[in-house]
Amino acid sequence: MKHNLIYLAVLLTIGVAMVASAQKPVPRRYIKQAPRYGALGAQLPFSDGVLVGDTFYVAGHLGLDPKTGKPPADPQQEVRLLLDAIKATLGQAGMTMEDLATVTVYCTDLSLYDKFNVVYRTYFSKDFPARAFIGSGPLLLGGHFEMQGVAVKR
């Protein structure tokens, strides 16, 4: 009987420790690349990404020309700028495009789908993340594309 009580006490202690450790908050790291928005960037109320454990949540990015703060006239150049911005944000978290697990692309003109894909393919070496390509209304700053995603460190 005494051994059973000791055994039960040990199991309860282990169980409580497991529950307590499971409830510990996972540290978060916030990435903000203010320079891509110029002086306005430091004031914008969002992070470019949030790293939680091995998972990185990438905020919506636009393909803006760093000199003008506007999207270029050429949609494919806009896609390059967009993907370069995503790549740079991933790099700040120690990740690459290959770590993306899923992305969502918002597009104001679905006839640009093929032009988007021509550039998009060149940013991945083998496998592509899961993706949704969604027609949208107007995007901020006159962009044609906005992309957000979730990356998991390999």
Foldseek 3Di string as FASTA:
>chain_A
DVVVVVVVVVVVVVVVVVVVVVPDAFDKDFAFDQLQQPPCRVVDPHTQWMDGPQKIWGDKFWQADSVPNAADPDLLSRLVSRVVVVQVRQVVVVHGQVQFQEKEKEFQDCVCVVSNVVNVVVRDDDDHHHYHYHYDHADPRRTGMIMITMGGHD
